[in-house]
């Protein structure tokens, strides 16, 4: 995808992040911050931890897609962190076995 930054490689997958993904993280933190009715330092810490936990759940979900790709002999290639979530690209999608 255009405009994505390469983050690195993990489990044989290339990870890329679009700059707008940071907007998703900020937006989730802002939502959690306003929903929580706690004193100032507590709601900020809890909002950041909830946003990070949500992103980690998305990350685990996309890694499960990559695992299923391996099980069906479709080699996952890249994981993209984009504004509306994440996406895994795979090789050999057009071929029949």
Protein backbone atom coordinates (compact mmCIF):
# COMPACT_ATOMS: atom_id res chain seq x y z
CA UNK A 1 0.00 0.00 0.00
CA UNK A 2 1.12 3.51 -0.66
CA UNK A 3 2.19 5.77 2.15
CA UNK A 4 2.81 2.99 4.69
CA UNK A 5 5.83 2.87 6.95
CA UNK A 6 7.64 -0.45 7.31
CA UNK A 7 7.77 -1.38 11.00
CA UNK A 8 9.74 -4.60 10.79
CA UNK A 9 9.42 -8.34 10.53
CA UNK A 10 7.87 -10.76 13.04
CA UNK A 11 7.06 -14.47 12.57
CA UNK A 12 8.10 -14.15 8.91
CA UNK A 13 5.55 -11.39 8.27
CA UNK A 14 6.36 -7.85 7.19
CA UNK A 15 4.51 -5.25 9.25
CA UNK A 16 3.55 -1.91 7.74
CA UNK A 17 1.69 0.99 9.34
CA UNK A 18 -0.22 3.77 7.64
CA UNK A 19 0.19 7.12 9.43
CA UNK A 20 -3.58 7.38 9.90
CA UNK A 21 -3.44 4.28 12.13
CA UNK A 22 -2.10 6.59 14.83
CA UNK A 23 -5.35 8.50 14.38
CA UNK A 24 -7.27 5.32 15.24
CA UNK A 25 -5.22 4.85 18.40
CA UNK A 26 -5.75 8.48 19.39
CA UNK A 27 -9.49 8.27 18.62
CA UNK A 28 -9.92 5.14 20.75
CA UNK A 29 -8.02 6.76 23.60
CA UNK A 30 -10.17 9.89 23.32
CA UNK A 31 -13.40 7.87 23.37
CA UNK A 32 -12.28 5.85 26.39
CA UNK A 33 -11.10 9.04 28.11
CA UNK A 34 -14.51 10.70 27.77
CA UNK A 35 -16.52 7.59 28.67
CA UNK A 36 -14.71 7.01 31.95
CA UNK A 37 -15.93 9.16 34.83
CA UNK A 38 -12.87 8.96 37.07
CA UNK A 39 -10.51 11.59 38.50
CA UNK A 40 -7.92 12.98 36.07
CA UNK A 41 -4.86 10.74 36.33
CA UNK A 42 -6.87 7.53 36.67
CA UNK A 43 -9.05 8.05 33.61
CA UNK A 44 -6.07 8.96 31.42
CA UNK A 45 -4.11 5.86 32.44
CA UNK A 46 -7.14 3.62 32.02
CA UNK A 47 -8.03 5.18 28.63
CA UNK A 48 -4.51 4.62 27.28
CA UNK A 49 -4.41 1.05 28.58
CA UNK A 50 -7.83 0.28 27.04
CA UNK A 51 -6.73 1.73 23.68
CA UNK A 52 -3.53 -0.33 23.74
CA UNK A 53 -5.47 -3.46 24.73
CA UNK A 54 -7.89 -2.92 21.84
CA UNK A 55 -4.99 -2.58 19.39
CA UNK A 56 -3.37 -5.74 20.78
CA UNK A 57 -6.65 -7.62 20.28
CA UNK A 58 -6.71 -6.44 16.65
CA UNK A 59 -3.11 -7.56 16.30
CA UNK A 60 -3.89 -11.05 17.70
CA UNK A 61 -6.91 -11.28 15.38
CA UNK A 62 -4.79 -10.54 12.31
CA UNK A 63 -2.13 -13.02 13.41
CA UNK A 64 -4.87 -15.66 13.59
CA UNK A 65 -5.74 -14.85 9.96
CA UNK A 66 -2.09 -15.40 9.08
CA UNK A 67 -2.11 -18.74 10.95
CA UNK A 68 -5.20 -19.88 9.05
CA UNK A 69 -3.41 -18.88 5.84
CA UNK A 70 -0.53 -21.17 6.77
CA UNK A 71 -2.95 -24.01 7.54
CA UNK A 72 -4.57 -23.67 4.11
CA UNK A 73 -1.15 -23.44 2.42
CA UNK A 74 -1.59 -19.76 1.56
CA UNK A 75 1.57 -18.03 2.67
CA UNK A 76 0.81 -14.72 4.43
CA UNK A 77 3.05 -11.95 3.20
CA UNK A 78 2.33 -8.63 4.88
CA UNK A 79 0.29 -7.20 7.73
CA UNK A 80 -0.95 -3.64 7.25
CA UNK A 81 -2.09 -1.49 10.14
CA UNK A 82 -4.51 0.92 8.50
CA UNK A 83 -7.00 3.49 9.74
CA UNK A 84 -10.01 1.19 9.88
CA UNK A 85 -8.15 -1.77 11.38
CA UNK A 86 -5.59 -4.20 10.07
CA UNK A 87 -5.22 -6.34 6.96
CA UNK A 88 -3.17 -9.42 6.00
CA UNK A 89 -2.10 -9.98 2.41
CA UNK A 90 -1.41 -13.51 1.22
CA UNK A 91 0.36 -15.15 -1.71
CA UNK A 92 -1.24 -17.76 -3.98
CA UNK A 93 -4.80 -16.49 -3.58
CA UNK A 94 -5.66 -16.84 -7.26
CA UNK A 95 -4.41 -20.41 -7.70
CA UNK A 96 -6.33 -23.59 -7.03
CA UNK A 97 -4.60 -26.51 -5.34
